[in-house]
Amino acid sequence: NSPFYNNRKMIIGIRPENIMVADEKDAIMSVKCLLVEPQGSHQVIIFKINDKIAKLVISGETKIKSGDTFYMNFKQEKILFFDYESHEEI
């Protein structure tokens, strides 16, 4: 139990390019794709986490369609922490 986290309410932030589609065994969570926005060499996948809209950026070759459930993971070293009250980065 780090004093950094101890009873502290925080918001975490992860940029879309730091979220990755993963195999089920390596995944942190599964989500349902709401919309796919093709962008040429990449695509933006829109999904919900706890009623909040989120996005991830993946290769245009990855096959995910609207309505698909997929697994994801993220680069843990890229997580940003924000104070819940002030919204300032910790």
C-alpha atoms as a PDB file:
ATOM      1  CA  ASN A   1       0.000   0.000   0.000  1.00  0.00           C
ATOM      2  CA  SER A   2       1.758   3.074  -1.248  1.00  0.00           C
ATOM      3  CA  PRO A   3       0.991   6.369   0.529  1.00  0.00           C
ATOM      4  CA  PHE A   4       0.518   7.790  -2.969  1.00  0.00           C
ATOM      5  CA  TYR A   5      -2.704   5.773  -3.394  1.00  0.00           C
ATOM      6  CA  ASN A   6      -3.801   5.396   0.213  1.00  0.00           C
ATOM      7  CA  ASN A   7      -7.411   6.605   0.479  1.00  0.00           C
ATOM      8  CA  ARG A   8      -6.860   9.121  -2.310  1.00  0.00           C
ATOM      9  CA  LYS A   9      -9.591   9.597  -4.886  1.00  0.00           C
ATOM     10  CA  MET A  10      -8.025   9.922  -8.342  1.00  0.00           C
ATOM     11  CA  ILE A  11      -8.861  10.008 -12.010  1.00  0.00           C
ATOM     12  CA  ILE A  12      -6.699   7.966 -14.347  1.00  0.00           C
ATOM     13  CA  GLY A  13      -6.023   8.958 -17.919  1.00  0.00           C
ATOM     14  CA  ILE A  14      -4.655   6.919 -20.793  1.00  0.00           C
ATOM     15  CA  ARG A  15      -4.136   8.374 -24.267  1.00  0.00           C
ATOM     16  CA  PRO A  16      -5.866   6.411 -27.077  1.00  0.00           C
ATOM     17  CA  GLU A  17      -2.565   5.412 -28.699  1.00  0.00           C
ATOM     18  CA  ASN A  18      -1.478   3.720 -25.443  1.00  0.00           C
ATOM     19  CA  ILE A  19      -4.457   1.342 -25.367  1.00  0.00           C
ATOM     20  CA  MET A  20      -3.990  -1.923 -27.256  1.00  0.00           C
ATOM     21  CA  VAL A  21      -6.197  -4.746 -28.453  1.00  0.00           C
ATOM     22  CA  ALA A  22      -5.085  -7.867 -26.556  1.00  0.00           C
ATOM     23  CA  ASP A  23      -5.628 -11.601 -26.339  1.00  0.00           C
ATOM     24  CA  GLU A  24      -8.056 -12.648 -23.608  1.00  0.00           C
ATOM     25  CA  LYS A  25      -5.227 -14.032 -21.419  1.00  0.00           C
ATOM     26  CA  ASP A  26      -3.329 -10.702 -21.506  1.00  0.00           C
ATOM     27  CA  ALA A  27      -6.353  -8.416 -21.238  1.00  0.00           C
ATOM     28  CA  ILE A  28      -7.266  -6.042 -18.455  1.00  0.00           C
ATOM     29  CA  MET A  29     -10.873  -5.811 -19.622  1.00  0.00           C
ATOM     30  CA  SER A  30     -13.275  -6.520 -22.432  1.00  0.00           C
ATOM     31  CA  VAL A  31     -15.407  -3.836 -24.049  1.00  0.00           C
ATOM     32  CA  LYS A  32     -17.968  -3.563 -26.825  1.00  0.00           C
ATOM     33  CA  CYS A  33     -17.108  -1.500 -29.898  1.00  0.00           C
ATOM     34  CA  LEU A  34     -19.689   1.232 -30.490  1.00  0.00           C
ATOM     35  CA  LEU A  35     -18.209   2.747 -33.647  1.00  0.00           C
ATOM     36  CA  VAL A  36     -15.210   2.373 -35.948  1.00  0.00           C
ATOM     37  CA  GLU A  37     -13.777   5.508 -37.593  1.00  0.00           C
ATOM     38  CA  PRO A  38     -11.441   4.534 -40.477  1.00  0.00           C
ATOM     39  CA  GLN A  39      -8.519   6.982 -40.782  1.00  0.00           C
ATOM     40  CA  GLY A  40      -6.468   5.441 -43.594  1.00  0.00           C
ATOM     41  CA  SER A  41      -3.504   3.607 -42.067  1.00  0.00           C
ATOM     42  CA  HIS A  42      -5.231   3.449 -38.673  1.00  0.00           C
ATOM     43  CA  GLN A  43      -8.716   3.456 -37.213  1.00  0.00           C
ATOM     44  CA  VAL A  44     -10.289   4.943 -34.114  1.00  0.00           C
ATOM     45  CA  ILE A  45     -12.394   2.519 -32.074  1.00  0.00           C
ATOM     46  CA  ILE A  46     -15.035   4.119 -29.845  1.00  0.00           C
ATOM     47  CA  PHE A  47     -16.305   2.207 -26.798  1.00  0.00           C
ATOM     48  CA  LYS A  48     -17.719   2.811 -23.308  1.00  0.00           C
ATOM     49  CA  ILE A  49     -16.218   2.277 -19.866  1.00  0.00           C
ATOM     50  CA  ASN A  50     -18.617   2.873 -16.963  1.00  0.00           C
ATOM     51  CA  ASP A  51     -20.925   5.006 -19.138  1.00  0.00           C
ATOM     52  CA  LYS A  52     -17.993   7.158 -20.337  1.00  0.00           C
ATOM     53  CA  ILE A  53     -17.035   7.262 -24.010  1.00  0.00           C
ATOM     54  CA  ALA A  54     -13.423   6.249 -24.680  1.00  0.00           C
ATOM     55  CA  LYS A  55     -11.312   5.781 -27.804  1.00  0.00           C
ATOM     56  CA  LEU A  56      -8.364   3.739 -28.914  1.00  0.00           C
ATOM     57  CA  VAL A  57      -6.231   4.043 -32.036  1.00  0.00           C
ATOM     58  CA  ILE A  58      -5.274   0.819 -33.820  1.00  0.00           C
ATOM     59  CA  SER A  59      -3.853  -0.325 -37.139  1.00  0.00           C
ATOM     60  CA  GLY A  60      -6.194  -0.121 -40.093  1.00  0.00           C
ATOM     61  CA  GLU A  61      -5.516  -3.835 -40.623  1.00  0.00           C
ATOM     62  CA  THR A  62      -7.043  -4.902 -37.282  1.00  0.00           C
ATOM     63  CA  LYS A  63     -10.508  -6.342 -37.835  1.00  0.00           C
ATOM     64  CA  ILE A  64     -12.959  -4.898 -35.298  1.00  0.00           C
ATOM     65  CA  LYS A  65     -16.507  -3.969 -36.294  1.00  0.00           C
ATOM     66  CA  SER A  66     -19.226  -1.989 -34.540  1.00  0.00           C
ATOM     67  CA  GLY A  67     -20.933  -4.322 -32.071  1.00  0.00           C
ATOM     68  CA  ASP A  68     -17.876  -6.570 -31.592  1.00  0.00           C
ATOM     69  CA  THR A  69     -16.659  -7.301 -28.071  1.00  0.00           C
ATOM     70  CA  PHE A  70     -12.877  -7.186 -27.839  1.00  0.00           C
ATOM     71  CA  TYR A  71     -10.161  -7.414 -25.195  1.00  0.00           C
ATOM     72  CA  MET A  72      -7.720  -4.651 -24.390  1.00  0.00           C
ATOM     73  CA  ASN A  73      -4.670  -3.783 -22.362  1.00  0.00           C
ATOM     74  CA  PHE A  74      -2.639  -0.601 -22.001  1.00  0.00           C
ATOM     75  CA  LYS A  75       0.914   0.582 -21.486  1.00  0.00           C
ATOM     76  CA  GLN A  76       1.012   0.890 -17.707  1.00  0.00           C
ATOM     77  CA  GLU A  77       3.997   3.248 -17.770  1.00  0.00           C
ATOM     78  CA  LYS A  78       1.860   5.710 -19.772  1.00  0.00           C
ATOM     79  CA  ILE A  79      -0.956   6.008 -17.188  1.00  0.00           C
ATOM     80  CA  LEU A  80      -1.589   9.572 -16.027  1.00  0.00           C
ATOM     81  CA  PHE A  81      -2.966  10.259 -12.538  1.00  0.00           C
ATOM     82  CA  PHE A  82      -5.072  13.316 -11.716  1.00  0.00           C
ATOM     83  CA  ASP A  83      -6.365  14.642  -8.407  1.00  0.00           C
ATOM     84  CA  TYR A  84     -10.123  14.033  -8.274  1.00  0.00           C
ATOM     85  CA  GLU A  85     -10.925  17.483  -6.865  1.00  0.00           C
ATOM     86  CA  SER A  86      -8.540  19.792  -8.729  1.00  0.00           C
ATOM     87  CA  HIS A  87      -8.091  17.671 -11.893  1.00  0.00           C
ATOM     88  CA  GLU A  88      -4.382  18.545 -11.721  1.00  0.00           C
ATOM     89  CA  GLU A  89      -1.901  15.874 -12.739  1.00  0.00           C
ATOM     90  CA  ILE A  90      -0.260  14.144  -9.788  1.00  0.00           C
END
